[in-house]
Each structure stands twice: as structure tokens, then as C-alpha cells.
Amino acid sequence: MANFYTSRPWKNKRTRILKRDEYCCRECKRYGKHTEATTVHHINPLLNRPELRLTNWNLLSLCSKCHDKMHNRINDKLTALGLYWVDKMKIFDTKVSPPT
């Protein structure tokens, strides 16, 4: 997966997502703060859902501080905040079964 982050498709998509979000951290924006976004985060982790690697709704512009809050940096599992965003974006996920 390391090669993915140096690929032209990722670099182009990353730039488009940052522009889409006006280079503003979307997590900080939820709280009325304007912080420059420097990272594009995969809401559904790349290792778990590689098919979503370039899907717009699965990508989120974040500042580095908020990005660090999305993952447990010891085991790289999503934190409660990371899981919040996964749950929030399920509406766009075609693999999620409709409620019964």
C-alpha cells in the first residue's frame, strides 16, 4: 500500500479533496474552528476497504492533530472518533445492507 500514496492517481485525488474542502479541516469545522487541512484521511481504512481508496465520500480533509485522533497510533485501529466518521458516511456505502 505504500506505493499507493506516491502514485499519481492518489496525489491528484488528494489535491482535489483538499480543494473540495477549501483546505479546511472538516473535524475542526464541526466545532466552528477554521484550521488548515494538510492530510486527506481514508474514513474506511485503506487496508480494510481498498476499493474505496479514491472514492470522494470516503476521503476527509483533516489537520494533522485531528488525523492523529482518528487512529490509535500503537495498533492503527480506528478510535471512537474514526468510527464516528465511518458510521456517519455509511449512508453513501453501497456495501452496507439496508435496515430490515
N, C-alpha and C. Protein backbone atom coordinates (compact mmCIF):
# COMPACT_ATOMS: atom_id res chain seq x y z
N MET A 1 0.81 -1.20 0.00
CA MET A 1 0.00 0.00 0.00
C MET A 1 0.85 1.27 0.00
N ALA A 2 2.10 1.13 0.43
CA ALA A 2 2.97 2.31 0.48
C ALA A 2 3.10 2.95 -0.90
N ASN A 3 3.16 2.15 -1.96
CA ASN A 3 3.26 2.69 -3.31
C ASN A 3 2.03 3.50 -3.69
N PHE A 4 0.89 3.16 -3.13
CA PHE A 4 -0.34 3.89 -3.44
C PHE A 4 -0.19 5.37 -3.11
N TYR A 5 0.39 5.68 -1.96
CA TYR A 5 0.49 7.07 -1.52
C TYR A 5 1.48 7.91 -2.34
N THR A 6 2.27 7.26 -3.17
CA THR A 6 3.16 8.00 -4.07
C THR A 6 2.66 7.98 -5.52
N SER A 7 1.52 7.35 -5.73
CA SER A 7 1.00 7.22 -7.10
C SER A 7 0.37 8.53 -7.59
N ARG A 8 0.38 8.70 -8.88
CA ARG A 8 -0.23 9.89 -9.50
C ARG A 8 -1.73 9.96 -9.21
N PRO A 9 -2.48 8.84 -9.32
CA PRO A 9 -3.92 8.93 -9.02
C PRO A 9 -4.19 9.43 -7.60
N TRP A 10 -3.40 8.94 -6.61
CA TRP A 10 -3.62 9.41 -5.24
C TRP A 10 -3.25 10.89 -5.09
N LYS A 11 -2.12 11.28 -5.62
CA LYS A 11 -1.70 12.68 -5.50
C LYS A 11 -2.73 13.62 -6.12
N ASN A 12 -3.26 13.24 -7.29
CA ASN A 12 -4.29 14.06 -7.93
C ASN A 12 -5.57 14.10 -7.10
N LYS A 13 -5.99 12.95 -6.60
CA LYS A 13 -7.22 12.88 -5.80
C LYS A 13 -7.05 13.67 -4.51
N ARG A 14 -5.91 13.53 -3.87
CA ARG A 14 -5.63 14.25 -2.63
C ARG A 14 -5.77 15.76 -2.84
N THR A 15 -5.20 16.25 -3.91
CA THR A 15 -5.29 17.68 -4.23
C THR A 15 -6.75 18.09 -4.45
N ARG A 16 -7.50 17.26 -5.18
CA ARG A 16 -8.91 17.59 -5.45
C ARG A 16 -9.74 17.60 -4.16
N ILE A 17 -9.45 16.68 -3.24
CA ILE A 17 -10.22 16.62 -1.98
C ILE A 17 -9.88 17.83 -1.11
N LEU A 18 -8.62 18.19 -1.02
CA LEU A 18 -8.26 19.38 -0.25
C LEU A 18 -8.93 20.63 -0.83
N LYS A 19 -8.95 20.74 -2.15
CA LYS A 19 -9.64 21.87 -2.80
C LYS A 19 -11.14 21.82 -2.51
N ARG A 20 -11.74 20.62 -2.61
CA ARG A 20 -13.17 20.46 -2.34
C ARG A 20 -13.53 21.01 -0.96
N ASP A 21 -12.68 20.71 -0.01
CA ASP A 21 -12.92 21.11 1.38
C ASP A 21 -12.29 22.46 1.72
N GLU A 22 -11.86 23.17 0.69
CA GLU A 22 -11.27 24.51 0.83
C GLU A 22 -10.10 24.53 1.81
N TYR A 23 -9.33 23.44 1.81
CA TYR A 23 -8.15 23.30 2.67
C TYR A 23 -8.48 23.53 4.14
N CYS A 24 -9.69 23.19 4.52
CA CYS A 24 -10.16 23.38 5.90
C CYS A 24 -10.40 22.01 6.53
N CYS A 25 -9.91 21.81 7.74
CA CYS A 25 -10.11 20.57 8.47
C CYS A 25 -11.60 20.40 8.75
N ARG A 26 -12.17 19.31 8.26
CA ARG A 26 -13.61 19.10 8.42
C ARG A 26 -13.98 18.74 9.85
N GLU A 27 -13.08 18.15 10.60
CA GLU A 27 -13.37 17.84 12.01
C GLU A 27 -13.37 19.13 12.82
N CYS A 28 -12.38 19.97 12.65
CA CYS A 28 -12.36 21.26 13.36
C CYS A 28 -13.58 22.10 12.99
N LYS A 29 -13.97 22.05 11.72
CA LYS A 29 -15.11 22.83 11.23
C LYS A 29 -16.40 22.45 11.96
N ARG A 30 -16.53 21.19 12.35
CA ARG A 30 -17.71 20.74 13.11
C ARG A 30 -17.88 21.54 14.39
N TYR A 31 -16.78 22.07 14.90
CA TYR A 31 -16.79 22.81 16.17
C TYR A 31 -16.60 24.31 15.95
N GLY A 32 -16.79 24.76 14.71
CA GLY A 32 -16.72 26.18 14.40
C GLY A 32 -15.32 26.75 14.32
N LYS A 33 -14.31 25.87 14.24
CA LYS A 33 -12.93 26.34 14.13
C LYS A 33 -12.47 26.23 12.69
N HIS A 34 -11.60 27.14 12.29
CA HIS A 34 -11.01 27.05 10.95
C HIS A 34 -9.54 26.72 11.12
N THR A 35 -9.19 25.49 10.74
CA THR A 35 -7.82 25.00 10.81
C THR A 35 -7.43 24.49 9.44
N GLU A 36 -6.24 24.79 9.00
CA GLU A 36 -5.79 24.35 7.69
C GLU A 36 -5.66 22.82 7.65
N ALA A 37 -6.25 22.23 6.64
CA ALA A 37 -6.13 20.79 6.42
C ALA A 37 -4.85 20.51 5.65
N THR A 38 -4.11 19.52 6.13
CA THR A 38 -2.85 19.14 5.49
C THR A 38 -2.84 17.67 5.09
N THR A 39 -3.87 16.93 5.51
CA THR A 39 -3.93 15.49 5.32
C THR A 39 -5.28 15.12 4.73
N VAL A 40 -5.29 14.09 3.91
CA VAL A 40 -6.56 13.51 3.45
C VAL A 40 -6.65 12.11 4.05
N HIS A 41 -7.68 11.90 4.82
CA HIS A 41 -7.89 10.68 5.60
C HIS A 41 -8.86 9.75 4.89
N HIS A 42 -8.56 8.46 4.89
CA HIS A 42 -9.49 7.44 4.41
C HIS A 42 -10.42 7.09 5.57
N ILE A 43 -11.67 7.44 5.47
CA ILE A 43 -12.64 7.17 6.54
C ILE A 43 -12.72 5.67 6.79
N ASN A 44 -12.95 4.91 5.75
CA ASN A 44 -12.84 3.45 5.83
C ASN A 44 -11.39 3.14 5.46
N PRO A 45 -10.62 2.61 6.40
CA PRO A 45 -9.18 2.43 6.17
C PRO A 45 -8.85 1.70 4.88
N LEU A 46 -7.79 2.15 4.27
CA LEU A 46 -7.31 1.60 3.01
C LEU A 46 -7.10 0.09 3.09
N LEU A 47 -6.55 -0.40 4.18
CA LEU A 47 -6.31 -1.84 4.32
C LEU A 47 -7.61 -2.63 4.39
N ASN A 48 -8.65 -2.04 4.97
CA ASN A 48 -9.93 -2.74 5.11
C ASN A 48 -10.80 -2.64 3.86
N ARG A 49 -10.75 -1.49 3.21
CA ARG A 49 -11.63 -1.24 2.06
C ARG A 49 -10.84 -0.62 0.90
N PRO A 50 -9.91 -1.37 0.30
CA PRO A 50 -9.08 -0.80 -0.77
C PRO A 50 -9.90 -0.32 -1.97
N GLU A 51 -11.08 -0.89 -2.17
CA GLU A 51 -11.92 -0.48 -3.30
C GLU A 51 -12.43 0.96 -3.16
N LEU A 52 -12.33 1.52 -1.95
CA LEU A 52 -12.78 2.90 -1.70
C LEU A 52 -11.61 3.89 -1.69
N ARG A 53 -10.45 3.46 -2.10
CA ARG A 53 -9.24 4.28 -1.95
C ARG A 53 -9.33 5.63 -2.65
N LEU A 54 -10.10 5.74 -3.73
CA LEU A 54 -10.21 7.01 -4.46
C LEU A 54 -11.65 7.52 -4.51
N THR A 55 -12.48 7.04 -3.62
CA THR A 55 -13.90 7.41 -3.59
C THR A 55 -14.08 8.69 -2.77
N ASN A 56 -14.64 9.70 -3.40
CA ASN A 56 -14.74 11.02 -2.76
C ASN A 56 -15.36 11.00 -1.37
N TRP A 57 -16.49 10.31 -1.20
CA TRP A 57 -17.16 10.34 0.10
C TRP A 57 -16.36 9.64 1.20
N ASN A 58 -15.39 8.85 0.83
CA ASN A 58 -14.56 8.14 1.81
C ASN A 58 -13.31 8.93 2.19
N LEU A 59 -13.17 10.13 1.66
CA LEU A 59 -11.96 10.93 1.90
C LEU A 59 -12.33 12.21 2.62
N LEU A 60 -11.51 12.56 3.61
CA LEU A 60 -11.82 13.65 4.52
C LEU A 60 -10.57 14.49 4.74
N SER A 61 -10.68 15.79 4.50
CA SER A 61 -9.55 16.71 4.74
C SER A 61 -9.45 16.98 6.24
N LEU A 62 -8.25 16.81 6.78
CA LEU A 62 -8.03 16.99 8.21
C LEU A 62 -6.71 17.71 8.47
N CYS A 63 -6.64 18.38 9.61
CA CYS A 63 -5.35 18.87 10.09
C CYS A 63 -4.62 17.67 10.70
N SER A 64 -3.34 17.80 10.91
CA SER A 64 -2.57 16.65 11.43
C SER A 64 -3.03 16.25 12.84
N LYS A 65 -3.41 17.22 13.65
CA LYS A 65 -3.87 16.93 15.02
C LYS A 65 -5.14 16.07 14.99
N CYS A 66 -6.10 16.45 14.15
CA CYS A 66 -7.34 15.66 14.05
C CYS A 66 -7.08 14.30 13.40
N HIS A 67 -6.18 14.27 12.43
CA HIS A 67 -5.87 12.97 11.81
C HIS A 67 -5.31 12.01 12.85
N ASP A 68 -4.47 12.50 13.73
CA ASP A 68 -3.92 11.64 14.78
C ASP A 68 -5.01 11.14 15.73
N LYS A 69 -6.12 11.86 15.83
CA LYS A 69 -7.22 11.44 16.70
C LYS A 69 -8.09 10.35 16.06
N MET A 70 -7.90 10.11 14.78
CA MET A 70 -8.72 9.11 14.06
C MET A 70 -8.21 7.69 14.25
N HIS A 71 -6.91 7.55 14.52
CA HIS A 71 -6.27 6.23 14.63
C HIS A 71 -5.56 6.11 15.97
N ASN A 72 -5.61 4.91 16.55
CA ASN A 72 -4.73 4.59 17.66
C ASN A 72 -3.37 4.34 17.02
N ARG A 73 -2.40 5.17 17.32
CA ARG A 73 -1.10 5.09 16.65
C ARG A 73 -0.26 3.89 17.08
N ILE A 74 -0.68 3.18 18.11
CA ILE A 74 0.03 1.97 18.52
C ILE A 74 -0.40 0.77 17.68
N ASN A 75 -1.72 0.59 17.52
CA ASN A 75 -2.20 -0.57 16.77
C ASN A 75 -2.88 -0.20 15.45
N ASP A 76 -2.94 1.09 15.13
CA ASP A 76 -3.53 1.63 13.91
C ASP A 76 -5.01 1.33 13.75
N LYS A 77 -5.68 0.95 14.84
CA LYS A 77 -7.13 0.75 14.80
C LYS A 77 -7.81 2.11 14.87
N LEU A 78 -9.01 2.19 14.32
CA LEU A 78 -9.76 3.42 14.40
C LEU A 78 -10.17 3.69 15.84
N THR A 79 -10.13 4.95 16.22
CA THR A 79 -10.59 5.37 17.54
C THR A 79 -12.10 5.57 17.49
N ALA A 80 -12.69 5.96 18.60
CA ALA A 80 -14.12 6.27 18.63
C ALA A 80 -14.44 7.37 17.61
N LEU A 81 -13.57 8.36 17.49
CA LEU A 81 -13.79 9.43 16.52
C LEU A 81 -13.72 8.90 15.09
N GLY A 82 -12.76 8.05 14.80
CA GLY A 82 -12.66 7.44 13.48
C GLY A 82 -13.90 6.61 13.16
N LEU A 83 -14.39 5.88 14.14
CA LEU A 83 -15.59 5.07 13.94
C LEU A 83 -16.83 5.95 13.77
N TYR A 84 -16.84 7.11 14.42
CA TYR A 84 -17.94 8.07 14.23
C TYR A 84 -18.06 8.43 12.75
N TRP A 85 -16.93 8.74 12.11
CA TRP A 85 -16.95 9.13 10.70
C TRP A 85 -17.35 7.95 9.81
N VAL A 86 -16.91 6.73 10.14
CA VAL A 86 -17.33 5.55 9.37
C VAL A 86 -18.85 5.44 9.43
N ASP A 87 -19.39 5.56 10.63
CA ASP A 87 -20.84 5.45 10.80
C ASP A 87 -21.57 6.58 10.08
N LYS A 88 -21.04 7.80 10.17
CA LYS A 88 -21.65 8.96 9.53
C LYS A 88 -21.72 8.79 8.01
N MET A 89 -20.73 8.15 7.42
CA MET A 89 -20.66 8.03 5.97
C MET A 89 -21.29 6.74 5.44
N LYS A 90 -21.83 5.91 6.31
CA LYS A 90 -22.46 4.65 5.85
C LYS A 90 -23.58 4.90 4.86
N ILE A 91 -24.20 6.04 4.93
CA ILE A 91 -25.30 6.36 4.02
C ILE A 91 -24.85 6.29 2.55
N PHE A 92 -23.57 6.53 2.30
CA PHE A 92 -23.04 6.50 0.95
C PHE A 92 -22.47 5.15 0.55
N ASP A 93 -22.33 4.25 1.50
CA ASP A 93 -21.66 2.98 1.27
C ASP A 93 -22.64 1.97 0.68
N THR A 94 -22.43 1.58 -0.55
CA THR A 94 -23.33 0.66 -1.22
C THR A 94 -23.20 -0.78 -0.71
N LYS A 95 -22.12 -1.06 0.03
CA LYS A 95 -21.94 -2.41 0.56
C LYS A 95 -22.71 -2.63 1.85
N VAL A 96 -23.22 -1.55 2.45
CA VAL A 96 -23.96 -1.66 3.70
C VAL A 96 -25.38 -2.11 3.38
N SER A 97 -25.84 -3.12 4.08
CA SER A 97 -27.19 -3.62 3.84
C SER A 97 -28.22 -2.63 4.37
N PRO A 98 -29.36 -2.50 3.68
CA PRO A 98 -30.40 -1.61 4.19
C PRO A 98 -31.00 -2.16 5.47
N PRO A 99 -31.55 -1.32 6.33
CA PRO A 99 -32.15 -1.80 7.58
C PRO A 99 -33.31 -2.75 7.29
N THR A 100 -33.47 -3.74 8.15
CA THR A 100 -34.57 -4.68 7.97
C THR A 100 -35.70 -4.39 8.92
